[in-house]
Amino acid sequence: MSFVLAPHETPGAGLTRVIQEQVAKLSVECMEAVQDATAFAHKARVRCKRIRAALRLARPMMAAKAFRKDNMWWRDQARLLSDLRDAGARLEALETLRPFLAARIGTEMTRKLGELFEQQRQATDEAAAIGAFIEGMNKRSETLIPKLPAGSREDMTEALGDTYRMARIAMRDALKDEQPELLHEWRKQAKYHALQARLMRSYFPDLLDQRVAGVRDLAELLGEMQDIEVVAAGAEDWREGPRGFSDVLKARRTALVMGARAAGAALFAEKPKAWVGQLMPPVLAE
């Protein structure tokens, strides 16, 4: 099945199935990791994020200690691939920005920047990162799927409301100072909210179908901002870099922040309690 809960499933059974499916796909991808390490790092981190999004919906059904353990474990697993993913992300980000950069610093300088990023990617120890990730998966192979009770739709709706609240707070903080780490946090929280809305969209199609697309588009805007930061970080020691290169990146970043500000204002205008109240009867939303 796709990454969505079926109306006939209990919440606990649906979330268990979703996590099982993601773990099964990840296990297959681990066996094929050496074929394309960069692609594997991206896919594996996406799987980890999807599993954590499902775990956060399951949080009201789990013991606090069990939730913390599983959530932190999947976070740490994803971090094992951070350097490998960053090296590949620089090249991907450059491809996204290539038309913009080529028009401002020239095709030749953009090509040289690509060569620098490729050298950085080749210097990353792909085998060690992938080996550590797979070793972690193998050690916990028997306990990767949580044992969840049936749960209730109200439990999950409250959990969805929590990610709405966290994304809203992250947006407020990010737009106040526009610091890279705060914008990155906003993107993470927006993605968790988008994934959870996607999981629950069959329960509230009128409210969540359009929201899934809207928050995903916001996350992509914030992702482009992160591309700017990734390229800037990778080019810190670029001795051949043209004058004004950082100003070019800042100009693009400013335009993206303006777009994200407008999109975020539309998506997170309501206070969390009011937004959750649209999904649950008034008695349950109290």
C-alpha atoms as a PDB file:
ATOM      1  CA  MET A   1       0.000   0.000   0.000  1.00  0.00           C
ATOM      2  CA  SER A   2       1.023   3.646  -0.330  1.00  0.00           C
ATOM      3  CA  PHE A   3       2.142   5.878   2.514  1.00  0.00           C
ATOM      4  CA  VAL A   4      -1.382   6.435   3.840  1.00  0.00           C
ATOM      5  CA  LEU A   5      -3.547   4.944   6.587  1.00  0.00           C
ATOM      6  CA  ALA A   6      -6.590   3.002   5.393  1.00  0.00           C
ATOM      7  CA  PRO A   7      -9.945   3.943   6.970  1.00  0.00           C
ATOM      8  CA  HIS A   8     -10.711   0.285   7.818  1.00  0.00           C
ATOM      9  CA  GLU A   9      -7.502  -0.100   9.889  1.00  0.00           C
ATOM     10  CA  THR A  10      -7.226   0.763  13.531  1.00  0.00           C
ATOM     11  CA  PRO A  11      -4.687   3.560  14.018  1.00  0.00           C
ATOM     12  CA  GLY A  12      -2.247   1.200  15.738  1.00  0.00           C
ATOM     13  CA  ALA A  13      -2.532  -1.442  13.003  1.00  0.00           C
ATOM     14  CA  GLY A  14      -2.193   1.156  10.249  1.00  0.00           C
ATOM     15  CA  LEU A  15       0.882   2.788  11.738  1.00  0.00           C
ATOM     16  CA  THR A  16       2.467  -0.614  12.381  1.00  0.00           C
ATOM     17  CA  ARG A  17       1.884  -1.559   8.729  1.00  0.00           C
ATOM     18  CA  VAL A  18       3.345   1.719   7.480  1.00  0.00           C
ATOM     19  CA  ILE A  19       6.485   1.314   9.582  1.00  0.00           C
ATOM     20  CA  GLN A  20       6.831  -2.336   8.495  1.00  0.00           C
ATOM     21  CA  GLU A  21       6.586  -1.321   4.837  1.00  0.00           C
ATOM     22  CA  GLN A  22       9.203   1.399   5.222  1.00  0.00           C
ATOM     23  CA  VAL A  23      11.574  -0.937   7.084  1.00  0.00           C
ATOM     24  CA  ALA A  24      11.106  -3.655   4.447  1.00  0.00           C
ATOM     25  CA  LYS A  25      11.872  -1.235   1.606  1.00  0.00           C
ATOM     26  CA  LEU A  26      14.865   0.116   3.501  1.00  0.00           C
ATOM     27  CA  SER A  27      16.194  -3.407   4.032  1.00  0.00           C
ATOM     28  CA  VAL A  28      16.079  -4.062   0.291  1.00  0.00           C
ATOM     29  CA  GLU A  29      17.756  -0.727  -0.422  1.00  0.00           C
ATOM     30  CA  CYS A  30      20.539  -1.597   2.042  1.00  0.00           C
ATOM     31  CA  MET A  31      21.382  -4.647  -0.072  1.00  0.00           C
ATOM     32  CA  GLU A  32      21.708  -2.409  -3.148  1.00  0.00           C
ATOM     33  CA  ALA A  33      23.486   0.482  -1.395  1.00  0.00           C
ATOM     34  CA  VAL A  34      26.910  -0.019  -2.972  1.00  0.00           C
ATOM     35  CA  GLN A  35      25.480   0.460  -6.469  1.00  0.00           C
ATOM     36  CA  ASP A  36      24.830   4.166  -5.825  1.00  0.00           C
ATOM     37  CA  ALA A  37      25.902   5.367  -2.388  1.00  0.00           C
ATOM     38  CA  THR A  38      24.630   8.921  -2.861  1.00  0.00           C
ATOM     39  CA  ALA A  39      21.165   7.791  -3.934  1.00  0.00           C
ATOM     40  CA  PHE A  40      21.063   5.297  -1.075  1.00  0.00           C
ATOM     41  CA  ALA A  41      21.924   7.977   1.491  1.00  0.00           C
ATOM     42  CA  HIS A  42      19.047  10.119   0.251  1.00  0.00           C
ATOM     43  CA  LYS A  43      16.510   7.278   0.143  1.00  0.00           C
ATOM     44  CA  ALA A  44      17.540   5.889   3.524  1.00  0.00           C
ATOM     45  CA  ARG A  45      17.231   9.275   5.218  1.00  0.00           C
ATOM     46  CA  VAL A  46      13.783   9.726   3.656  1.00  0.00           C
ATOM     47  CA  ARG A  47      12.744   6.308   5.032  1.00  0.00           C
ATOM     48  CA  CYS A  48      14.000   7.271   8.483  1.00  0.00           C
ATOM     49  CA  LYS A  49      12.039  10.526   8.361  1.00  0.00           C
ATOM     50  CA  ARG A  50       8.859   8.732   7.283  1.00  0.00           C
ATOM     51  CA  ILE A  51       9.231   6.236  10.110  1.00  0.00           C
ATOM     52  CA  ARG A  52       9.764   9.032  12.623  1.00  0.00           C
ATOM     53  CA  ALA A  53       6.681  10.834  11.300  1.00  0.00           C
ATOM     54  CA  ALA A  54       4.635   7.668  11.873  1.00  0.00           C
ATOM     55  CA  LEU A  55       6.156   7.209  15.338  1.00  0.00           C
ATOM     56  CA  ARG A  56       5.159  10.747  16.260  1.00  0.00           C
ATOM     57  CA  LEU A  57       1.566   9.952  15.317  1.00  0.00           C
ATOM     58  CA  ALA A  58       1.838   6.824  17.469  1.00  0.00           C
ATOM     59  CA  ARG A  59       3.309   8.707  20.420  1.00  0.00           C
ATOM     60  CA  PRO A  60       0.028   8.861  22.417  1.00  0.00           C
ATOM     61  CA  MET A  61      -0.212   5.054  22.091  1.00  0.00           C
ATOM     62  CA  MET A  62       3.335   4.367  23.302  1.00  0.00           C
ATOM     63  CA  ALA A  63       5.091   4.484  26.649  1.00  0.00           C
ATOM     64  CA  ALA A  64       7.156   7.671  26.860  1.00  0.00           C
ATOM     65  CA  LYS A  65      10.427   5.748  27.235  1.00  0.00           C
ATOM     66  CA  ALA A  66       9.684   3.489  24.271  1.00  0.00           C
ATOM     67  CA  PHE A  67       8.848   6.462  22.058  1.00  0.00           C
ATOM     68  CA  ARG A  68      12.008   8.348  23.009  1.00  0.00           C
ATOM     69  CA  LYS A  69      14.148   5.285  22.390  1.00  0.00           C
ATOM     70  CA  ASP A  70      12.718   4.554  18.934  1.00  0.00           C
ATOM     71  CA  ASN A  71      12.553   8.183  17.822  1.00  0.00           C
ATOM     72  CA  MET A  72      16.152   8.876  18.855  1.00  0.00           C
ATOM     73  CA  TRP A  73      17.396   5.638  17.330  1.00  0.00           C
ATOM     74  CA  TRP A  74      16.002   6.444  13.900  1.00  0.00           C
ATOM     75  CA  ARG A  75      17.340   9.998  14.216  1.00  0.00           C
ATOM     76  CA  ASP A  76      20.821   8.670  14.992  1.00  0.00           C
ATOM     77  CA  GLN A  77      20.619   6.178  12.136  1.00  0.00           C
ATOM     78  CA  ALA A  78      19.884   8.966   9.670  1.00  0.00           C
ATOM     79  CA  ARG A  79      22.788  11.000  11.043  1.00  0.00           C
ATOM     80  CA  LEU A  80      25.195   8.191  10.157  1.00  0.00           C
ATOM     81  CA  LEU A  81      24.594   9.138   6.527  1.00  0.00           C
ATOM     82  CA  SER A  82      24.721  12.925   7.004  1.00  0.00           C
ATOM     83  CA  ASP A  83      28.206  13.500   5.566  1.00  0.00           C
ATOM     84  CA  LEU A  84      27.525  11.232   2.628  1.00  0.00           C
ATOM     85  CA  ARG A  85      24.197  12.888   1.964  1.00  0.00           C
ATOM     86  CA  ASP A  86      25.686  16.400   2.269  1.00  0.00           C
ATOM     87  CA  ALA A  87      28.373  15.579  -0.289  1.00  0.00           C
ATOM     88  CA  GLY A  88      25.754  14.423  -2.769  1.00  0.00           C
ATOM     89  CA  ALA A  89      23.403  17.258  -1.861  1.00  0.00           C
ATOM     90  CA  ARG A  90      25.987  19.845  -2.907  1.00  0.00           C
ATOM     91  CA  LEU A  91      25.989  18.439  -6.426  1.00  0.00           C
ATOM     92  CA  GLU A  92      22.196  18.180  -6.498  1.00  0.00           C
ATOM     93  CA  ALA A  93      21.861  21.712  -5.175  1.00  0.00           C
ATOM     94  CA  LEU A  94      24.262  22.983  -7.790  1.00  0.00           C
ATOM     95  CA  GLU A  95      22.185  21.365 -10.531  1.00  0.00           C
ATOM     96  CA  THR A  96      19.084  23.072  -9.157  1.00  0.00           C
ATOM     97  CA  LEU A  97      20.878  26.410  -9.067  1.00  0.00           C
ATOM     98  CA  ARG A  98      22.858  25.956 -12.296  1.00  0.00           C
ATOM     99  CA  PRO A  99      20.686  28.176 -14.563  1.00  0.00           C
ATOM    100  CA  PHE A 100      20.583  30.892 -11.897  1.00  0.00           C
ATOM    101  CA  LEU A 101      24.347  30.749 -11.252  1.00  0.00           C
ATOM    102  CA  ALA A 102      25.366  30.396 -14.901  1.00  0.00           C
ATOM    103  CA  ALA A 103      23.503  33.607 -15.728  1.00  0.00           C
ATOM    104  CA  ARG A 104      25.363  35.486 -12.985  1.00  0.00           C
ATOM    105  CA  ILE A 105      28.861  34.011 -12.636  1.00  0.00           C
ATOM    106  CA  GLY A 106      29.159  32.328 -16.022  1.00  0.00           C
ATOM    107  CA  THR A 107      29.005  28.761 -17.292  1.00  0.00           C
ATOM    108  CA  GLU A 108      32.733  28.138 -16.826  1.00  0.00           C
ATOM    109  CA  MET A 109      32.817  29.194 -13.184  1.00  0.00           C
ATOM    110  CA  THR A 110      29.694  27.139 -12.482  1.00  0.00           C
ATOM    111  CA  ARG A 111      31.418  24.124 -14.069  1.00  0.00           C
ATOM    112  CA  LYS A 112      34.499  24.630 -11.888  1.00  0.00           C
ATOM    113  CA  LEU A 113      32.335  24.778  -8.790  1.00  0.00           C
ATOM    114  CA  GLY A 114      30.812  21.452  -9.837  1.00  0.00           C
ATOM    115  CA  GLU A 115      34.294  19.954 -10.122  1.00  0.00           C
ATOM    116  CA  LEU A 116      35.090  21.136  -6.589  1.00  0.00           C
ATOM    117  CA  PHE A 117      31.934  19.527  -5.219  1.00  0.00           C
ATOM    118  CA  GLU A 118      32.692  16.295  -7.052  1.00  0.00           C
ATOM    119  CA  GLN A 119      36.135  16.196  -5.422  1.00  0.00           C
ATOM    120  CA  GLN A 120      34.485  16.668  -2.026  1.00  0.00           C
ATOM    121  CA  ARG A 121      32.075  13.823  -2.742  1.00  0.00           C
ATOM    122  CA  GLN A 122      34.871  11.468  -3.742  1.00  0.00           C
ATOM    123  CA  ALA A 123      36.727  12.276  -0.528  1.00  0.00           C
ATOM    124  CA  THR A 124      33.799  11.043   1.582  1.00  0.00           C
ATOM    125  CA  ASP A 125      34.188   7.545   3.035  1.00  0.00           C
ATOM    126  CA  GLU A 126      31.071   6.030   1.507  1.00  0.00           C
ATOM    127  CA  ALA A 127      31.794   2.459   2.579  1.00  0.00           C
ATOM    128  CA  ALA A 128      32.243   3.373   6.250  1.00  0.00           C
ATOM    129  CA  ALA A 129      29.006   5.374   6.402  1.00  0.00           C
ATOM    130  CA  ILE A 130      26.938   2.711   4.669  1.00  0.00           C
ATOM    131  CA  GLY A 131      28.550  -0.057   6.703  1.00  0.00           C
ATOM    132  CA  ALA A 132      27.726   1.680   9.986  1.00  0.00           C
ATOM    133  CA  PHE A 133      24.115   2.212   8.880  1.00  0.00           C
ATOM    134  CA  ILE A 134      23.621  -1.415   7.850  1.00  0.00           C
ATOM    135  CA  GLU A 135      25.290  -2.675  11.023  1.00  0.00           C
ATOM    136  CA  GLY A 136      22.840  -0.634  13.083  1.00  0.00           C
ATOM    137  CA  MET A 137      19.888  -2.041  11.144  1.00  0.00           C
ATOM    138  CA  ASN A 138      21.111  -5.615  11.629  1.00  0.00           C
ATOM    139  CA  LYS A 139      21.623  -5.203  15.361  1.00  0.00           C
ATOM    140  CA  ARG A 140      18.018  -4.090  15.855  1.00  0.00           C
ATOM    141  CA  SER A 141      16.403  -6.214  13.159  1.00  0.00           C
ATOM    142  CA  GLU A 142      14.105  -7.978  15.630  1.00  0.00           C
ATOM    143  CA  THR A 143      12.914  -4.823  17.415  1.00  0.00           C
ATOM    144  CA  LEU A 144      12.486  -2.289  14.616  1.00  0.00           C
ATOM    145  CA  ILE A 145       8.682  -2.529  14.574  1.00  0.00           C
ATOM    146  CA  PRO A 146       6.950  -1.146  17.683  1.00  0.00           C
ATOM    147  CA  LYS A 147       4.094  -3.048  19.293  1.00  0.00           C
ATOM    148  CA  LEU A 148       1.174  -0.653  19.157  1.00  0.00           C
ATOM    149  CA  PRO A 149      -2.300  -0.960  20.666  1.00  0.00           C
ATOM    150  CA  ALA A 150      -5.381  -0.225  18.556  1.00  0.00           C
ATOM    151  CA  GLY A 151      -5.338   3.434  19.557  1.00  0.00           C
ATOM    152  CA  SER A 152      -7.875   6.000  18.441  1.00  0.00           C
ATOM    153  CA  ARG A 153      -8.278   8.539  15.680  1.00  0.00           C
ATOM    154  CA  GLU A 154      -8.459  11.245  18.331  1.00  0.00           C
ATOM    155  CA  ASP A 155      -4.996  10.254  19.610  1.00  0.00           C
ATOM    156  CA  MET A 156      -3.513  10.646  16.146  1.00  0.00           C
ATOM    157  CA  THR A 157      -5.347  13.910  15.522  1.00  0.00           C
ATOM    158  CA  GLU A 158      -3.878  15.371  18.679  1.00  0.00           C
ATOM    159  CA  ALA A 159      -0.430  14.215  17.560  1.00  0.00           C
ATOM    160  CA  LEU A 160      -0.993  15.850  14.152  1.00  0.00           C
ATOM    161  CA  GLY A 161      -1.939  19.008  16.010  1.00  0.00           C
ATOM    162  CA  ASP A 162       1.376  18.829  17.853  1.00  0.00           C
ATOM    163  CA  THR A 163       3.366  18.834  14.620  1.00  0.00           C
ATOM    164  CA  TYR A 164       1.218  21.737  13.367  1.00  0.00           C
ATOM    165  CA  ARG A 165       2.111  23.633  16.528  1.00  0.00           C
ATOM    166  CA  MET A 166       5.812  22.779  16.251  1.00  0.00           C
ATOM    167  CA  ALA A 167       5.928  23.817  12.585  1.00  0.00           C
ATOM    168  CA  ARG A 168       4.167  27.065  13.452  1.00  0.00           C
ATOM    169  CA  ILE A 169       6.644  27.839  16.250  1.00  0.00           C
ATOM    170  CA  ALA A 170       9.575  26.949  13.991  1.00  0.00           C
ATOM    171  CA  MET A 171       8.157  29.298  11.329  1.00  0.00           C
ATOM    172  CA  ARG A 172       7.859  32.153  13.827  1.00  0.00           C
ATOM    173  CA  ASP A 173      11.448  31.694  15.000  1.00  0.00           C
ATOM    174  CA  ALA A 174      12.837  31.300  11.478  1.00  0.00           C
ATOM    175  CA  LEU A 175      11.131  34.381  10.067  1.00  0.00           C
ATOM    176  CA  LYS A 176      12.157  36.476  13.035  1.00  0.00           C
ATOM    177  CA  ASP A 177      15.912  36.092  12.485  1.00  0.00           C
ATOM    178  CA  GLU A 178      16.159  34.198   9.150  1.00  0.00           C
ATOM    179  CA  GLN A 179      19.182  32.289  10.414  1.00  0.00           C
ATOM    180  CA  PRO A 180      20.107  29.151   8.400  1.00  0.00           C
ATOM    181  CA  GLU A 181      19.722  26.763  11.346  1.00  0.00           C
ATOM    182  CA  LEU A 182      16.273  28.173  12.175  1.00  0.00           C
ATOM    183  CA  LEU A 183      15.124  27.950   8.561  1.00  0.00           C
ATOM    184  CA  HIS A 184      16.420  24.382   8.462  1.00  0.00           C
ATOM    185  CA  GLU A 185      14.431  23.558  11.619  1.00  0.00           C
ATOM    186  CA  TRP A 186      11.316  25.051  10.040  1.00  0.00           C
ATOM    187  CA  ARG A 187      11.820  22.848   7.014  1.00  0.00           C
ATOM    188  CA  LYS A 188      12.183  19.720   9.184  1.00  0.00           C
ATOM    189  CA  GLN A 189       9.029  20.453  11.150  1.00  0.00           C
ATOM    190  CA  ALA A 190       7.083  21.351   7.998  1.00  0.00           C
ATOM    191  CA  LYS A 191       8.122  18.034   6.421  1.00  0.00           C
ATOM    192  CA  TYR A 192       7.010  16.062   9.469  1.00  0.00           C
ATOM    193  CA  HIS A 193       3.666  17.842   9.346  1.00  0.00           C
ATOM    194  CA  ALA A 194       3.324  17.164   5.624  1.00  0.00           C
ATOM    195  CA  LEU A 195       4.130  13.459   6.080  1.00  0.00           C
ATOM    196  CA  GLN A 196       1.613  13.093   8.883  1.00  0.00           C
ATOM    197  CA  ALA A 197      -1.065  14.921   6.925  1.00  0.00           C
ATOM    198  CA  ARG A 198      -0.335  12.555   4.044  1.00  0.00           C
ATOM    199  CA  LEU A 199      -0.719   9.545   6.339  1.00  0.00           C
ATOM    200  CA  MET A 200      -4.073  10.788   7.664  1.00  0.00           C
ATOM    201  CA  ARG A 201      -5.515  12.254   4.484  1.00  0.00           C
ATOM    202  CA  SER A 202      -8.042   9.446   3.999  1.00  0.00           C
ATOM    203  CA  TYR A 203      -9.611  10.373   7.361  1.00  0.00           C
ATOM    204  CA  PHE A 204     -10.077  14.055   6.513  1.00  0.00           C
ATOM    205  CA  PRO A 205      -9.787  14.357   2.719  1.00  0.00           C
ATOM    206  CA  ASP A 206     -11.560  17.716   2.476  1.00  0.00           C
ATOM    207  CA  LEU A 207      -9.099  19.340   4.849  1.00  0.00           C
ATOM    208  CA  LEU A 208      -5.877  17.416   4.315  1.00  0.00           C
ATOM    209  CA  ASP A 209      -5.661  16.613   0.589  1.00  0.00           C
ATOM    210  CA  GLN A 210      -4.958  20.212  -0.381  1.00  0.00           C
ATOM    211  CA  ARG A 211      -2.862  20.773   2.741  1.00  0.00           C
ATOM    212  CA  VAL A 212      -0.495  17.924   1.863  1.00  0.00           C
ATOM    213  CA  ALA A 213       0.342  19.642  -1.424  1.00  0.00           C
ATOM    214  CA  GLY A 214       0.639  23.076   0.181  1.00  0.00           C
ATOM    215  CA  VAL A 215       2.994  22.032   2.971  1.00  0.00           C
ATOM    216  CA  ARG A 216       5.029  19.922   0.552  1.00  0.00           C
ATOM    217  CA  ASP A 217       5.453  22.979  -1.703  1.00  0.00           C
ATOM    218  CA  LEU A 218       6.535  25.009   1.336  1.00  0.00           C
ATOM    219  CA  ALA A 219       9.070  22.320   2.275  1.00  0.00           C
ATOM    220  CA  GLU A 220      10.446  22.450  -1.278  1.00  0.00           C
ATOM    221  CA  LEU A 221      10.863  26.227  -1.027  1.00  0.00           C
ATOM    222  CA  LEU A 222      12.679  25.792   2.272  1.00  0.00           C
ATOM    223  CA  GLY A 223      14.682  23.005   0.652  1.00  0.00           C
ATOM    224  CA  GLU A 224      15.858  25.403  -2.056  1.00  0.00           C
ATOM    225  CA  MET A 225      16.992  27.734   0.725  1.00  0.00           C
ATOM    226  CA  GLN A 226      18.941  24.879   2.215  1.00  0.00           C
ATOM    227  CA  ASP A 227      20.459  24.278  -1.220  1.00  0.00           C
ATOM    228  CA  ILE A 228      21.822  27.821  -1.038  1.00  0.00           C
ATOM    229  CA  GLU A 229      23.382  27.114   2.361  1.00  0.00           C
ATOM    230  CA  VAL A 230      24.820  23.786   1.168  1.00  0.00           C
ATOM    231  CA  VAL A 231      26.419  25.408  -1.870  1.00  0.00           C
ATOM    232  CA  ALA A 232      27.761  28.302   0.218  1.00  0.00           C
ATOM    233  CA  ALA A 233      29.285  25.921   2.781  1.00  0.00           C
ATOM    234  CA  GLY A 234      30.885  23.778   0.081  1.00  0.00           C
ATOM    235  CA  ALA A 235      32.372  26.847  -1.604  1.00  0.00           C
ATOM    236  CA  GLU A 236      33.897  28.378   1.533  1.00  0.00           C
ATOM    237  CA  ASP A 237      37.431  27.407   0.440  1.00  0.00           C
ATOM    238  CA  TRP A 238      36.847  28.009  -3.261  1.00  0.00           C
ATOM    239  CA  ARG A 239      39.870  30.140  -4.100  1.00  0.00           C
ATOM    240  CA  GLU A 240      38.826  30.630  -7.716  1.00  0.00           C
ATOM    241  CA  GLY A 241      35.381  31.865  -6.713  1.00  0.00           C
ATOM    242  CA  PRO A 242      34.335  35.044  -8.558  1.00  0.00           C
ATOM    243  CA  ARG A 243      33.881  38.321  -6.733  1.00  0.00           C
ATOM    244  CA  GLY A 244      30.317  38.807  -5.568  1.00  0.00           C
ATOM    245  CA  PHE A 245      29.540  35.079  -5.531  1.00  0.00           C
ATOM    246  CA  SER A 246      28.192  35.203  -1.969  1.00  0.00           C
ATOM    247  CA  ASP A 247      26.015  38.196  -2.890  1.00  0.00           C
ATOM    248  CA  VAL A 248      24.510  36.190  -5.725  1.00  0.00           C
ATOM    249  CA  LEU A 249      23.554  33.425  -3.302  1.00  0.00           C
ATOM    250  CA  LYS A 250      22.150  35.919  -0.793  1.00  0.00           C
ATOM    251  CA  ALA A 251      19.935  37.509  -3.438  1.00  0.00           C
ATOM    252  CA  ARG A 252      18.458  34.140  -4.353  1.00  0.00           C
ATOM    253  CA  ARG A 253      17.987  33.266  -0.688  1.00  0.00           C
ATOM    254  CA  THR A 254      16.157  36.547  -0.030  1.00  0.00           C
ATOM    255  CA  ALA A 255      13.674  35.822  -2.818  1.00  0.00           C
ATOM    256  CA  LEU A 256      13.052  32.319  -1.476  1.00  0.00           C
ATOM    257  CA  VAL A 257      12.496  33.591   2.061  1.00  0.00           C
ATOM    258  CA  MET A 258       9.845  35.985   0.755  1.00  0.00           C
ATOM    259  CA  GLY A 259       8.048  33.121  -0.975  1.00  0.00           C
ATOM    260  CA  ALA A 260       8.245  30.888   2.089  1.00  0.00           C
ATOM    261  CA  ARG A 261       6.973  33.693   4.302  1.00  0.00           C
ATOM    262  CA  ALA A 262       3.852  34.095   2.173  1.00  0.00           C
ATOM    263  CA  ALA A 263       3.253  30.317   1.914  1.00  0.00           C
ATOM    264  CA  GLY A 264       3.763  29.802   5.644  1.00  0.00           C
ATOM    265  CA  ALA A 265       1.414  32.624   6.555  1.00  0.00           C
ATOM    266  CA  ALA A 266      -1.366  30.949   4.569  1.00  0.00           C
ATOM    267  CA  LEU A 267      -0.734  27.458   5.952  1.00  0.00           C
ATOM    268  CA  PHE A 268      -0.172  28.281   9.619  1.00  0.00           C
ATOM    269  CA  ALA A 269      -2.364  31.327  10.179  1.00  0.00           C
ATOM    270  CA  GLU A 270      -4.688  29.608  12.651  1.00  0.00           C
ATOM    271  CA  LYS A 271      -3.755  28.857  16.232  1.00  0.00           C
ATOM    272  CA  PRO A 272      -3.180  25.136  16.886  1.00  0.00           C
ATOM    273  CA  LYS A 273      -6.331  24.611  18.958  1.00  0.00           C
ATOM    274  CA  ALA A 274      -8.519  26.199  16.295  1.00  0.00           C
ATOM    275  CA  TRP A 275      -6.873  24.193  13.534  1.00  0.00           C
ATOM    276  CA  VAL A 276      -7.277  20.891  15.399  1.00  0.00           C
ATOM    277  CA  GLY A 277     -10.889  21.849  16.109  1.00  0.00           C
ATOM    278  CA  GLN A 278     -11.630  21.575  12.388  1.00  0.00           C
ATOM    279  CA  LEU A 279     -10.606  17.895  12.461  1.00  0.00           C
ATOM    280  CA  MET A 280     -12.333  16.808  15.669  1.00  0.00           C
ATOM    281  CA  PRO A 281     -15.786  17.398  17.145  1.00  0.00           C
ATOM    282  CA  PRO A 282     -15.771  20.300  19.645  1.00  0.00           C
ATOM    283  CA  VAL A 283     -16.024  17.963  22.652  1.00  0.00           C
ATOM    284  CA  LEU A 284     -12.888  16.083  21.600  1.00  0.00           C
ATOM    285  CA  ALA A 285     -10.971  19.189  20.624  1.00  0.00           C
ATOM    286  CA  GLU A 286     -11.247  20.697  24.119  1.00  0.00           C
END
